[in-house]
Amino acid sequence: MICSSLNRLPFIPPPSQNPNGFWTSFRGAGLRVFTLLHAARPVLLNFGEPGNFDITPWADRVQLVDAKYLGAWELPALGAVATPIGVLVRPDGYVAWVGDPAQPHVAEALTTWFGPAATV
């Protein structure tokens, strides 16, 4: 799913607005997504098996983080939802894409939000 309208994009609030935050496992350390966004770079959170996503053509612009979420997934407008395999978060905290590596739309989302794939 690619969110095309800014007023419809889900937002990951900073810790001051969401004290429980989203916790990830990044190189063995617990981090909030908000902390990962301090570098002002987009983040693709991989909640599936490591290596699920190949973002090599965007690696100079997007950080890929193998992550785990501690807790139930719940969205304000929808309630409880299943844990996604991938979540692409823009540097401003808005979610640009949610899905799994089998869907062809991850490359489309990366291109839409962060430019065309780099050629090697």
PDB file of N, CA and C in Angstrom:
ATOM      1  N   MET A   1       0.845  -1.174   0.000  1.00  0.00           N
ATOM      2  CA  MET A   1       0.000   0.000   0.000  1.00  0.00           C
ATOM      3  C   MET A   1       0.889   1.236   0.000  1.00  0.00           C
ATOM      4  N   ILE A   2       0.674   2.112  -0.909  1.00  0.00           N
ATOM      5  CA  ILE A   2       1.368   3.401  -0.913  1.00  0.00           C
ATOM      6  C   ILE A   2       0.338   4.456  -0.544  1.00  0.00           C
ATOM      7  N   CYS A   3       0.681   5.274   0.417  1.00  0.00           N
ATOM      8  CA  CYS A   3      -0.221   6.357   0.818  1.00  0.00           C
ATOM      9  C   CYS A   3       0.075   7.551  -0.073  1.00  0.00           C
ATOM     10  N   SER A   4      -0.909   7.984  -0.824  1.00  0.00           N
ATOM     11  CA  SER A   4      -0.664   9.065  -1.771  1.00  0.00           C
ATOM     12  C   SER A   4      -1.101  10.430  -1.261  1.00  0.00           C
ATOM     13  N   SER A   5      -1.908  10.473  -0.245  1.00  0.00           N
ATOM     14  CA  SER A   5      -2.395  11.750   0.257  1.00  0.00           C
ATOM     15  C   SER A   5      -1.797  12.019   1.631  1.00  0.00           C
ATOM     16  N   LEU A   6      -1.140  13.156   1.768  1.00  0.00           N
ATOM     17  CA  LEU A   6      -0.482  13.461   3.037  1.00  0.00           C
ATOM     18  C   LEU A   6      -1.441  13.447   4.219  1.00  0.00           C
ATOM     19  N   ASN A   7      -2.692  13.808   4.004  1.00  0.00           N
ATOM     20  CA  ASN A   7      -3.612  13.832   5.129  1.00  0.00           C
ATOM     21  C   ASN A   7      -4.102  12.433   5.508  1.00  0.00           C
ATOM     22  N   ARG A   8      -3.740  11.405   4.749  1.00  0.00           N
ATOM     23  CA  ARG A   8      -4.131  10.040   5.070  1.00  0.00           C
ATOM     24  C   ARG A   8      -2.962   9.213   5.587  1.00  0.00           C
ATOM     25  N   LEU A   9      -1.765   9.759   5.615  1.00  0.00           N
ATOM     26  CA  LEU A   9      -0.605   8.984   6.034  1.00  0.00           C
ATOM     27  C   LEU A   9      -0.625   8.717   7.535  1.00  0.00           C
ATOM     28  N   PRO A  10      -0.393   7.473   7.938  1.00  0.00           N
ATOM     29  CA  PRO A  10      -0.230   7.212   9.368  1.00  0.00           C
ATOM     30  C   PRO A  10       1.028   7.926   9.867  1.00  0.00           C
ATOM     31  N   PHE A  11       1.042   8.275  11.103  1.00  0.00           N
ATOM     32  CA  PHE A  11       2.154   9.027  11.684  1.00  0.00           C
ATOM     33  C   PHE A  11       2.656   8.312  12.924  1.00  0.00           C
ATOM     34  N   ILE A  12       3.960   8.207  13.067  1.00  0.00           N
ATOM     35  CA  ILE A  12       4.562   7.662  14.275  1.00  0.00           C
ATOM     36  C   ILE A  12       4.936   8.855  15.139  1.00  0.00           C
ATOM     37  N   PRO A  13       4.186   9.092  16.218  1.00  0.00           N
ATOM     38  CA  PRO A  13       4.440  10.280  17.021  1.00  0.00           C
ATOM     39  C   PRO A  13       5.744  10.179  17.805  1.00  0.00           C
ATOM     40  N   PRO A  14       6.341  11.327  18.141  1.00  0.00           N
ATOM     41  CA  PRO A  14       7.554  11.315  18.962  1.00  0.00           C
ATOM     42  C   PRO A  14       7.226  10.811  20.363  1.00  0.00           C
ATOM     43  N   PRO A  15       8.255  10.395  21.122  1.00  0.00           N
ATOM     44  CA  PRO A  15       8.035   9.827  22.453  1.00  0.00           C
ATOM     45  C   PRO A  15       7.211  10.708  23.376  1.00  0.00           C
ATOM     46  N   SER A  16       7.298  12.019  23.227  1.00  0.00           N
ATOM     47  CA  SER A  16       6.533  12.894  24.111  1.00  0.00           C
ATOM     48  C   SER A  16       5.027  12.708  23.908  1.00  0.00           C
ATOM     49  N   GLN A  17       4.611  12.298  22.700  1.00  0.00           N
ATOM     50  CA  GLN A  17       3.202  12.079  22.413  1.00  0.00           C
ATOM     51  C   GLN A  17       2.815  10.608  22.489  1.00  0.00           C
ATOM     52  N   ASN A  18       3.791   9.730  22.478  1.00  0.00           N
ATOM     53  CA  ASN A  18       3.561   8.291  22.476  1.00  0.00           C
ATOM     54  C   ASN A  18       4.616   7.650  23.367  1.00  0.00           C
ATOM     55  N   PRO A  19       4.476   7.736  24.689  1.00  0.00           N
ATOM     56  CA  PRO A  19       5.543   7.318  25.593  1.00  0.00           C
ATOM     57  C   PRO A  19       5.958   5.864  25.451  1.00  0.00           C
ATOM     58  N   ASN A  20       5.052   4.994  25.026  1.00  0.00           N
ATOM     59  CA  ASN A  20       5.426   3.591  24.857  1.00  0.00           C
ATOM     60  C   ASN A  20       6.207   3.379  23.575  1.00  0.00           C
ATOM     61  N   GLY A  21       5.963   4.196  22.580  1.00  0.00           N
ATOM     62  CA  GLY A  21       6.726   4.196  21.338  1.00  0.00           C
ATOM     63  C   GLY A  21       6.711   2.863  20.622  1.00  0.00           C
ATOM     64  N   PHE A  22       7.481   2.787  19.567  1.00  0.00           N
ATOM     65  CA  PHE A  22       7.719   1.538  18.861  1.00  0.00           C
ATOM     66  C   PHE A  22       9.142   1.127  19.198  1.00  0.00           C
ATOM     67  N   TRP A  23       9.303  -0.041  19.747  1.00  0.00           N
ATOM     68  CA  TRP A  23      10.646  -0.520  20.087  1.00  0.00           C
ATOM     69  C   TRP A  23      11.122  -1.461  19.018  1.00  0.00           C
ATOM     70  N   THR A  24      12.380  -1.338  18.663  1.00  0.00           N
ATOM     71  CA  THR A  24      12.953  -2.215  17.666  1.00  0.00           C
ATOM     72  C   THR A  24      14.196  -2.883  18.225  1.00  0.00           C
ATOM     73  N   SER A  25      14.567  -3.972  17.599  1.00  0.00           N
ATOM     74  CA  SER A  25      15.815  -4.629  17.944  1.00  0.00           C
ATOM     75  C   SER A  25      16.792  -4.316  16.823  1.00  0.00           C
ATOM     76  N   PHE A  26      17.744  -3.481  17.101  1.00  0.00           N
ATOM     77  CA  PHE A  26      18.695  -3.031  16.088  1.00  0.00           C
ATOM     78  C   PHE A  26      20.088  -3.340  16.590  1.00  0.00           C
ATOM     79  N   ARG A  27      20.715  -4.319  15.933  1.00  0.00           N
ATOM     80  CA  ARG A  27      22.044  -4.780  16.372  1.00  0.00           C
ATOM     81  C   ARG A  27      22.029  -5.135  17.853  1.00  0.00           C
ATOM     82  N   GLY A  28      20.930  -5.753  18.278  1.00  0.00           N
ATOM     83  CA  GLY A  28      20.841  -6.227  19.656  1.00  0.00           C
ATOM     84  C   GLY A  28      20.416  -5.180  20.664  1.00  0.00           C
ATOM     85  N   ALA A  29      20.250  -3.930  20.257  1.00  0.00           N
ATOM     86  CA  ALA A  29      19.888  -2.862  21.193  1.00  0.00           C
ATOM     87  C   ALA A  29      18.425  -2.478  20.999  1.00  0.00           C
ATOM     88  N   GLY A  30      17.774  -2.129  22.093  1.00  0.00           N
ATOM     89  CA  GLY A  30      16.400  -1.651  22.001  1.00  0.00           C
ATOM     90  C   GLY A  30      16.400  -0.174  21.649  1.00  0.00           C
ATOM     91  N   LEU A  31      15.694   0.177  20.593  1.00  0.00           N
ATOM     92  CA  LEU A  31      15.616   1.569  20.145  1.00  0.00           C
ATOM     93  C   LEU A  31      14.185   1.903  19.774  1.00  0.00           C
ATOM     94  N   ARG A  32      13.837   3.151  19.924  1.00  0.00           N
ATOM     95  CA  ARG A  32      12.560   3.635  19.418  1.00  0.00           C
ATOM     96  C   ARG A  32      12.746   4.057  17.965  1.00  0.00           C
ATOM     97  N   VAL A  33      11.693   3.926  17.190  1.00  0.00           N
ATOM     98  CA  VAL A  33      11.746   4.374  15.799  1.00  0.00           C
ATOM     99  C   VAL A  33      12.115   5.849  15.754  1.00  0.00           C
ATOM    100  N   PHE A  34      11.581   6.613  16.688  1.00  0.00           N
ATOM    101  CA  PHE A  34      11.882   8.043  16.750  1.00  0.00           C
ATOM    102  C   PHE A  34      13.395   8.273  16.798  1.00  0.00           C
ATOM    103  N   THR A  35      14.116   7.436  17.532  1.00  0.00           N
ATOM    104  CA  THR A  35      15.574   7.558  17.622  1.00  0.00           C
ATOM    105  C   THR A  35      16.221   7.278  16.270  1.00  0.00           C
ATOM    106  N   LEU A  36      15.708   6.283  15.548  1.00  0.00           N
ATOM    107  CA  LEU A  36      16.258   5.968  14.226  1.00  0.00           C
ATOM    108  C   LEU A  36      16.058   7.121  13.242  1.00  0.00           C
ATOM    109  N   LEU A  37      15.030   7.919  13.462  1.00  0.00           N
ATOM    110  CA  LEU A  37      14.741   9.028  12.553  1.00  0.00           C
ATOM    111  C   LEU A  37      15.579  10.269  12.832  1.00  0.00           C
ATOM    112  N   HIS A  38      16.345  10.278  13.898  1.00  0.00           N
ATOM    113  CA  HIS A  38      17.191  11.441  14.207  1.00  0.00           C
ATOM    114  C   HIS A  38      18.187  11.735  13.085  1.00  0.00           C
ATOM    115  N   ALA A  39      18.565  10.718  12.329  1.00  0.00           N
ATOM    116  CA  ALA A  39      19.524  10.917  11.233  1.00  0.00           C
ATOM    117  C   ALA A  39      18.874  11.583  10.023  1.00  0.00           C
ATOM    118  N   ALA A  40      17.562  11.865  10.099  1.00  0.00           N
ATOM    119  CA  ALA A  40      16.816  12.513   9.003  1.00  0.00           C
ATOM    120  C   ALA A  40      16.872  11.688   7.726  1.00  0.00           C
ATOM    121  N   ARG A  41      16.882  10.353   7.903  1.00  0.00           N
ATOM    122  CA  ARG A  41      16.852   9.426   6.771  1.00  0.00           C
ATOM    123  C   ARG A  41      15.646   8.518   6.929  1.00  0.00           C
ATOM    124  N   PRO A  42      15.031   8.116   5.825  1.00  0.00           N
ATOM    125  CA  PRO A  42      13.925   7.173   5.924  1.00  0.00           C
ATOM    126  C   PRO A  42      14.409   5.825   6.453  1.00  0.00           C
ATOM    127  N   VAL A  43      13.474   5.064   7.017  1.00  0.00           N
ATOM    128  CA  VAL A  43      13.789   3.764   7.600  1.00  0.00           C
ATOM    129  C   VAL A  43      12.803   2.736   7.059  1.00  0.00           C
ATOM    130  N   LEU A  44      13.318   1.603   6.580  1.00  0.00           N
ATOM    131  CA  LEU A  44      12.473   0.469   6.250  1.00  0.00           C
ATOM    132  C   LEU A  44      12.635  -0.529   7.379  1.00  0.00           C
ATOM    133  N   LEU A  45      11.582  -0.705   8.159  1.00  0.00           N
ATOM    134  CA  LEU A  45      11.594  -1.646   9.275  1.00  0.00           C
ATOM    135  C   LEU A  45      11.165  -3.012   8.765  1.00  0.00           C
ATOM    136  N   ASN A  46      12.017  -4.005   8.930  1.00  0.00           N
ATOM    137  CA  ASN A  46      11.737  -5.368   8.514  1.00  0.00           C
ATOM    138  C   ASN A  46      11.378  -6.173   9.759  1.00  0.00           C
ATOM    139  N   PHE A  47      10.101  -6.500   9.918  1.00  0.00           N
ATOM    140  CA  PHE A  47       9.645  -7.280  11.058  1.00  0.00           C
ATOM    141  C   PHE A  47       9.632  -8.770  10.759  1.00  0.00           C
ATOM    142  N   GLY A  48      10.066  -9.154   9.561  1.00  0.00           N
ATOM    143  CA  GLY A  48      10.135 -10.556   9.175  1.00  0.00           C
ATOM    144  C   GLY A  48      11.547 -11.088   9.374  1.00  0.00           C
ATOM    145  N   GLU A  49      11.862 -12.109   8.617  1.00  0.00           N
ATOM    146  CA  GLU A  49      13.191 -12.708   8.680  1.00  0.00           C
ATOM    147  C   GLU A  49      14.239 -11.732   8.139  1.00  0.00           C
ATOM    148  N   PRO A  50      15.410 -11.670   8.761  1.00  0.00           N
ATOM    149  CA  PRO A  50      16.482 -10.823   8.219  1.00  0.00           C
ATOM    150  C   PRO A  50      16.754 -11.186   6.759  1.00  0.00           C
ATOM    151  N   GLY A  51      16.972 -10.185   5.954  1.00  0.00           N
ATOM    152  CA  GLY A  51      17.231 -10.403   4.537  1.00  0.00           C
ATOM    153  C   GLY A  51      15.978 -10.436   3.674  1.00  0.00           C
ATOM    154  N   ASN A  52      14.814 -10.191   4.257  1.00  0.00           N
ATOM    155  CA  ASN A  52      13.559 -10.194   3.498  1.00  0.00           C
ATOM    156  C   ASN A  52      13.540  -9.143   2.393  1.00  0.00           C
ATOM    157  N   PHE A  53      14.117  -8.003   2.654  1.00  0.00           N
ATOM    158  CA  PHE A  53      14.059  -6.883   1.715  1.00  0.00           C
ATOM    159  C   PHE A  53      15.448  -6.593   1.158  1.00  0.00           C
ATOM    160  N   ASP A  54      15.514  -6.378  -0.143  1.00  0.00           N
ATOM    161  CA  ASP A  54      16.763  -5.946  -0.775  1.00  0.00           C
ATOM    162  C   ASP A  54      16.551  -4.518  -1.270  1.00  0.00           C
ATOM    163  N   ILE A  55      17.103  -3.576  -0.541  1.00  0.00           N
ATOM    164  CA  ILE A  55      16.961  -2.169  -0.940  1.00  0.00           C
ATOM    165  C   ILE A  55      18.307  -1.601  -1.385  1.00  0.00           C
ATOM    166  N   THR A  56      19.175  -2.469  -1.872  1.00  0.00           N
ATOM    167  CA  THR A  56      20.511  -2.050  -2.301  1.00  0.00           C
ATOM    168  C   THR A  56      20.486  -0.802  -3.189  1.00  0.00           C
ATOM    169  N   PRO A  57      19.582  -0.694  -4.170  1.00  0.00           N
ATOM    170  CA  PRO A  57      19.582   0.507  -5.016  1.00  0.00           C
ATOM    171  C   PRO A  57      19.220   1.802  -4.272  1.00  0.00           C
ATOM    172  N   TRP A  58      18.682   1.700  -3.063  1.00  0.00           N
ATOM    173  CA  TRP A  58      18.326   2.887  -2.278  1.00  0.00           C
ATOM    174  C   TRP A  58      19.132   2.963  -0.976  1.00  0.00           C
ATOM    175  N   ALA A  59      20.114   2.102  -0.808  1.00  0.00           N
ATOM    176  CA  ALA A  59      20.858   2.013   0.459  1.00  0.00           C
ATOM    177  C   ALA A  59      21.582   3.308   0.813  1.00  0.00           C
ATOM    178  N   ASP A  60      21.873   4.133  -0.192  1.00  0.00           N
ATOM    179  CA  ASP A  60      22.528   5.411   0.088  1.00  0.00           C
ATOM    180  C   ASP A  60      21.560   6.434   0.674  1.00  0.00           C
ATOM    181  N   ARG A  61      20.241   6.141   0.595  1.00  0.00           N
ATOM    182  CA  ARG A  61      19.222   7.082   1.072  1.00  0.00           C
ATOM    183  C   ARG A  61      18.315   6.513   2.149  1.00  0.00           C
ATOM    184  N   VAL A  62      18.181   5.201   2.226  1.00  0.00           N
ATOM    185  CA  VAL A  62      17.228   4.559   3.135  1.00  0.00           C
ATOM    186  C   VAL A  62      17.961   3.562   4.010  1.00  0.00           C
ATOM    187  N   GLN A  63      17.690   3.608   5.311  1.00  0.00           N
ATOM    188  CA  GLN A  63      18.290   2.617   6.212  1.00  0.00           C
ATOM    189  C   GLN A  63      17.321   1.455   6.406  1.00  0.00           C
ATOM    190  N   LEU A  64      17.852   0.241   6.307  1.00  0.00           N
ATOM    191  CA  LEU A  64      17.080  -0.977   6.506  1.00  0.00           C
ATOM    192  C   LEU A  64      17.385  -1.496   7.896  1.00  0.00           C
ATOM    193  N   VAL A  65      16.351  -1.707   8.705  1.00  0.00           N
ATOM    194  CA  VAL A  65      16.534  -2.156  10.085  1.00  0.00           C
ATOM    195  C   VAL A  65      15.711  -3.413  10.302  1.00  0.00           C
ATOM    196  N   ASP A  66      16.390  -4.514  10.672  1.00  0.00           N
ATOM    197  CA  ASP A  66      15.683  -5.717  11.092  1.00  0.00           C
ATOM    198  C   ASP A  66      15.157  -5.440  12.487  1.00  0.00           C
ATOM    199  N   ALA A  67      13.848  -5.544  12.660  1.00  0.00           N
ATOM    200  CA  ALA A  67      13.216  -5.045  13.875  1.00  0.00           C
ATOM    201  C   ALA A  67      12.249  -6.051  14.483  1.00  0.00           C
ATOM    202  N   LYS A  68      11.961  -5.822  15.739  1.00  0.00           N
ATOM    203  CA  LYS A  68      10.914  -6.552  16.448  1.00  0.00           C
ATOM    204  C   LYS A  68      10.112  -5.524  17.219  1.00  0.00           C
ATOM    205  N   TYR A  69       8.817  -5.741  17.273  1.00  0.00           N
ATOM    206  CA  TYR A  69       7.952  -4.837  18.037  1.00  0.00           C
ATOM    207  C   TYR A  69       7.487  -5.567  19.283  1.00  0.00           C
ATOM    208  N   LEU A  70       7.627  -4.937  20.417  1.00  0.00           N
ATOM    209  CA  LEU A  70       7.206  -5.530  21.671  1.00  0.00           C
ATOM    210  C   LEU A  70       5.817  -5.015  22.005  1.00  0.00           C
ATOM    211  N   GLY A  71       4.834  -5.841  21.838  1.00  0.00           N
ATOM    212  CA  GLY A  71       3.478  -5.436  22.160  1.00  0.00           C
ATOM    213  C   GLY A  71       2.520  -5.714  21.028  1.00  0.00           C
ATOM    214  N   ALA A  72       1.253  -5.411  21.272  1.00  0.00           N
ATOM    215  CA  ALA A  72       0.213  -5.597  20.268  1.00  0.00           C
ATOM    216  C   ALA A  72       0.182  -4.394  19.325  1.00  0.00           C
ATOM    217  N   TRP A  73      -0.139  -4.652  18.080  1.00  0.00           N
ATOM    218  CA  TRP A  73      -0.272  -3.580  17.102  1.00  0.00           C
ATOM    219  C   TRP A  73      -1.696  -3.064  17.142  1.00  0.00           C
ATOM    220  N   GLU A  74      -1.838  -1.776  17.353  1.00  0.00           N
ATOM    221  CA  GLU A  74      -3.156  -1.168  17.391  1.00  0.00           C
ATOM    222  C   GLU A  74      -3.078   0.214  16.757  1.00  0.00           C
ATOM    223  N   LEU A  75      -3.983   0.468  15.832  1.00  0.00           N
ATOM    224  CA  LEU A  75      -4.058   1.761  15.167  1.00  0.00           C
ATOM    225  C   LEU A  75      -5.303   2.495  15.649  1.00  0.00           C
ATOM    226  N   PRO A  76      -5.194   3.796  15.899  1.00  0.00           N
ATOM    227  CA  PRO A  76      -6.326   4.541  16.459  1.00  0.00           C
ATOM    228  C   PRO A  76      -7.632   4.386  15.672  1.00  0.00           C
ATOM    229  N   ALA A  77      -7.580   4.435  14.364  1.00  0.00           N
ATOM    230  CA  ALA A  77      -8.801   4.387  13.568  1.00  0.00           C
ATOM    231  C   ALA A  77      -9.294   2.964  13.291  1.00  0.00           C
ATOM    232  N   LEU A  78      -8.386   1.975  13.425  1.00  0.00           N
ATOM    233  CA  LEU A  78      -8.733   0.600  13.060  1.00  0.00           C
ATOM    234  C   LEU A  78      -8.803  -0.368  14.233  1.00  0.00           C
ATOM    235  N   GLY A  79      -8.090  -0.068  15.290  1.00  0.00           N
ATOM    236  CA  GLY A  79      -7.986  -1.014  16.401  1.00  0.00           C
ATOM    237  C   GLY A  79      -6.839  -1.981  16.167  1.00  0.00           C
ATOM    238  N   ALA A  80      -6.978  -3.216  16.652  1.00  0.00           N
ATOM    239  CA  ALA A  80      -5.912  -4.211  16.547  1.00  0.00           C
ATOM    240  C   ALA A  80      -5.700  -4.621  15.090  1.00  0.00           C
ATOM    241  N   VAL A  81      -4.432  -4.719  14.690  1.00  0.00           N
ATOM    242  CA  VAL A  81      -4.067  -5.149  13.337  1.00  0.00           C
ATOM    243  C   VAL A  81      -2.932  -6.165  13.441  1.00  0.00           C
ATOM    244  N   ALA A  82      -2.794  -6.985  12.414  1.00  0.00           N
ATOM    245  CA  ALA A  82      -1.700  -7.959  12.367  1.00  0.00           C
ATOM    246  C   ALA A  82      -0.372  -7.233  12.171  1.00  0.00           C
ATOM    247  N   THR A  83       0.685  -7.791  12.708  1.00  0.00           N
ATOM    248  CA  THR A  83       2.015  -7.213  12.549  1.00  0.00           C
ATOM    249  C   THR A  83       2.426  -7.285  11.077  1.00  0.00           C
ATOM    250  N   PRO A  84       2.778  -6.159  10.477  1.00  0.00           N
ATOM    251  CA  PRO A  84       3.228  -6.185   9.082  1.00  0.00           C
ATOM    252  C   PRO A  84       4.654  -6.720   8.998  1.00  0.00           C
ATOM    253  N   ILE A  85       5.039  -7.142   7.814  1.00  0.00           N
ATOM    254  CA  ILE A  85       6.420  -7.594   7.629  1.00  0.00           C
ATOM    255  C   ILE A  85       7.334  -6.396   7.400  1.00  0.00           C
ATOM    256  N   GLY A  86       6.856  -5.397   6.665  1.00  0.00           N
ATOM    257  CA  GLY A  86       7.666  -4.220   6.394  1.00  0.00           C
ATOM    258  C   GLY A  86       6.898  -2.928   6.578  1.00  0.00           C
ATOM    259  N   VAL A  87       7.585  -1.931   7.127  1.00  0.00           N
ATOM    260  CA  VAL A  87       7.006  -0.602   7.295  1.00  0.00           C
ATOM    261  C   VAL A  87       8.066   0.405   6.862  1.00  0.00           C
ATOM    262  N   LEU A  88       7.750   1.199   5.846  1.00  0.00           N
ATOM    263  CA  LEU A  88       8.656   2.231   5.354  1.00  0.00           C
ATOM    264  C   LEU A  88       8.242   3.554   5.976  1.00  0.00           C
ATOM    265  N   VAL A  89       9.136   4.141   6.759  1.00  0.00           N
ATOM    266  CA  VAL A  89       8.837   5.373   7.501  1.00  0.00           C
ATOM    267  C   VAL A  89       9.664   6.518   6.913  1.00  0.00           C
ATOM    268  N   ARG A  90       8.964   7.587   6.536  1.00  0.00           N
ATOM    269  CA  ARG A  90       9.659   8.777   6.029  1.00  0.00           C
ATOM    270  C   ARG A  90      10.401   9.466   7.166  1.00  0.00           C
ATOM    271  N   PRO A  91      11.360  10.332   6.853  1.00  0.00           N
ATOM    272  CA  PRO A  91      12.118  11.033   7.902  1.00  0.00           C
ATOM    273  C   PRO A  91      11.258  11.898   8.817  1.00  0.00           C
ATOM    274  N   ASP A  92      10.070  12.310   8.355  1.00  0.00           N
ATOM    275  CA  ASP A  92       9.194  13.127   9.187  1.00  0.00           C
ATOM    276  C   ASP A  92       8.266  12.284  10.062  1.00  0.00           C
ATOM    277  N   GLY A  93       8.438  10.956  10.036  1.00  0.00           N
ATOM    278  CA  GLY A  93       7.667  10.077  10.899  1.00  0.00           C
ATOM    279  C   GLY A  93       6.402   9.528  10.283  1.00  0.00           C
ATOM    280  N   TYR A  94       6.077   9.932   9.074  1.00  0.00           N
ATOM    281  CA  TYR A  94       4.885   9.402   8.411  1.00  0.00           C
ATOM    282  C   TYR A  94       5.210   8.071   7.739  1.00  0.00           C
ATOM    283  N   VAL A  95       4.276   7.146   7.766  1.00  0.00           N
ATOM    284  CA  VAL A  95       4.448   5.846   7.131  1.00  0.00           C
ATOM    285  C   VAL A  95       4.114   5.991   5.651  1.00  0.00           C
ATOM    286  N   ALA A  96       5.078   5.626   4.798  1.00  0.00           N
ATOM    287  CA  ALA A  96       4.906   5.749   3.353  1.00  0.00           C
ATOM    288  C   ALA A  96       4.404   4.461   2.720  1.00  0.00           C
ATOM    289  N   TRP A  97       4.662   3.308   3.367  1.00  0.00           N
ATOM    290  CA  TRP A  97       4.290   2.017   2.790  1.00  0.00           C
ATOM    291  C   TRP A  97       4.253   0.973   3.894  1.00  0.00           C
ATOM    292  N   VAL A  98       3.323   0.034   3.767  1.00  0.00           N
ATOM    293  CA  VAL A  98       3.239  -1.120   4.667  1.00  0.00           C
ATOM    294  C   VAL A  98       2.964  -2.330   3.799  1.00  0.00           C
ATOM    295  N   GLY A  99       3.675  -3.415   4.020  1.00  0.00           N
ATOM    296  CA  GLY A  99       3.428  -4.609   3.221  1.00  0.00           C
ATOM    297  C   GLY A  99       4.445  -5.692   3.496  1.00  0.00           C
ATOM    298  N   ASP A 100       4.628  -6.552   2.493  1.00  0.00           N
ATOM    299  CA  ASP A 100       5.611  -7.625   2.632  1.00  0.00           C
ATOM    300  C   ASP A 100       6.467  -7.691   1.375  1.00  0.00           C
ATOM    301  N   PRO A 101       7.622  -8.381   1.456  1.00  0.00           N
ATOM    302  CA  PRO A 101       8.556  -8.374   0.326  1.00  0.00           C
ATOM    303  C   PRO A 101       7.997  -9.028  -0.939  1.00  0.00           C
ATOM    304  N   ALA A 102       6.955  -9.842  -0.813  1.00  0.00           N
ATOM    305  CA  ALA A 102       6.365 -10.482  -1.987  1.00  0.00           C
ATOM    306  C   ALA A 102       5.570  -9.485  -2.827  1.00  0.00           C
ATOM    307  N   GLN A 103       5.190  -8.372  -2.240  1.00  0.00           N
ATOM    308  CA  GLN A 103       4.439  -7.356  -2.977  1.00  0.00           C
ATOM    309  C   GLN A 103       5.396  -6.496  -3.793  1.00  0.00           C
ATOM    310  N   PRO A 104       5.057  -6.222  -5.044  1.00  0.00           N
ATOM    311  CA  PRO A 104       5.958  -5.431  -5.888  1.00  0.00           C
ATOM    312  C   PRO A 104       5.976  -3.947  -5.530  1.00  0.00           C
ATOM    313  N   HIS A 105       5.119  -3.524  -4.638  1.00  0.00           N
ATOM    314  CA  HIS A 105       4.957  -2.093  -4.382  1.00  0.00           C
ATOM    315  C   HIS A 105       6.050  -1.468  -3.525  1.00  0.00           C
ATOM    316  N   VAL A 106       6.895  -2.257  -2.891  1.00  0.00           N
ATOM    317  CA  VAL A 106       7.938  -1.645  -2.064  1.00  0.00           C
ATOM    318  C   VAL A 106       8.891  -0.834  -2.940  1.00  0.00           C
ATOM    319  N   ALA A 107       9.275  -1.340  -4.095  1.00  0.00           N
ATOM    320  CA  ALA A 107      10.158  -0.585  -5.000  1.00  0.00           C
ATOM    321  C   ALA A 107       9.454   0.678  -5.501  1.00  0.00           C
ATOM    322  N   GLU A 108       8.159   0.572  -5.755  1.00  0.00           N
ATOM    323  CA  GLU A 108       7.388   1.738  -6.192  1.00  0.00           C
ATOM    324  C   GLU A 108       7.356   2.799  -5.093  1.00  0.00           C
ATOM    325  N   ALA A 109       7.155   2.374  -3.861  1.00  0.00           N
ATOM    326  CA  ALA A 109       7.136   3.321  -2.737  1.00  0.00           C
ATOM    327  C   ALA A 109       8.501   3.970  -2.545  1.00  0.00           C
ATOM    328  N   LEU A 110       9.559   3.173  -2.612  1.00  0.00           N
ATOM    329  CA  LEU A 110      10.911   3.723  -2.469  1.00  0.00           C
ATOM    330  C   LEU A 110      11.190   4.754  -3.557  1.00  0.00           C
ATOM    331  N   THR A 111      10.783   4.461  -4.787  1.00  0.00           N
ATOM    332  CA  THR A 111      10.992   5.384  -5.902  1.00  0.00           C
ATOM    333  C   THR A 111      10.142   6.636  -5.743  1.00  0.00           C
ATOM    334  N   THR A 112       8.884   6.467  -5.353  1.00  0.00           N
ATOM    335  CA  THR A 112       7.983   7.611  -5.192  1.00  0.00           C
ATOM    336  C   THR A 112       8.502   8.588  -4.152  1.00  0.00           C
ATOM    337  N   TRP A 113       8.912   8.083  -3.017  1.00  0.00           N
ATOM    338  CA  TRP A 113       9.283   8.955  -1.905  1.00  0.00           C
ATOM    339  C   TRP A 113      10.757   9.348  -1.885  1.00  0.00           C
ATOM    340  N   PHE A 114      11.660   8.484  -2.425  1.00  0.00           N
ATOM    341  CA  PHE A 114      13.088   8.733  -2.242  1.00  0.00           C
ATOM    342  C   PHE A 114      13.899   8.704  -3.516  1.00  0.00           C
ATOM    343  N   GLY A 115      13.219   8.722  -4.657  1.00  0.00           N
ATOM    344  CA  GLY A 115      13.909   8.829  -5.944  1.00  0.00           C
ATOM    345  C   GLY A 115      14.168   7.485  -6.590  1.00  0.00           C
ATOM    346  N   PRO A 116      14.603   7.520  -7.837  1.00  0.00           N
ATOM    347  CA  PRO A 116      14.823   6.270  -8.577  1.00  0.00           C
ATOM    348  C   PRO A 116      15.969   5.462  -8.000  1.00  0.00           C
ATOM    349  N   ALA A 117      15.932   4.175  -8.295  1.00  0.00           N
ATOM    350  CA  ALA A 117      16.986   3.264  -7.843  1.00  0.00           C
ATOM    351  C   ALA A 117      18.320   3.695  -8.433  1.00  0.00           C
ATOM    352  N   ALA A 118      19.353   3.618  -7.624  1.00  0.00           N
ATOM    353  CA  ALA A 118      20.703   3.937  -8.097  1.00  0.00           C
ATOM    354  C   ALA A 118      21.197   2.791  -8.984  1.00  0.00           C
ATOM    355  N   THR A 119      21.926   3.144 -10.026  1.00  0.00           N
ATOM    356  CA  THR A 119      22.530   2.109 -10.867  1.00  0.00           C
ATOM    357  C   THR A 119      23.925   1.842 -10.367  1.00  0.00           C
ATOM    358  N   VAL A 120      24.273   0.580 -10.370  1.00  0.00           N
ATOM    359  CA  VAL A 120      25.585   0.178  -9.836  1.00  0.00           C
ATOM    360  C   VAL A 120      26.609   0.172 -10.914  1.00  0.00           C
TER     361      VAL A 120
END
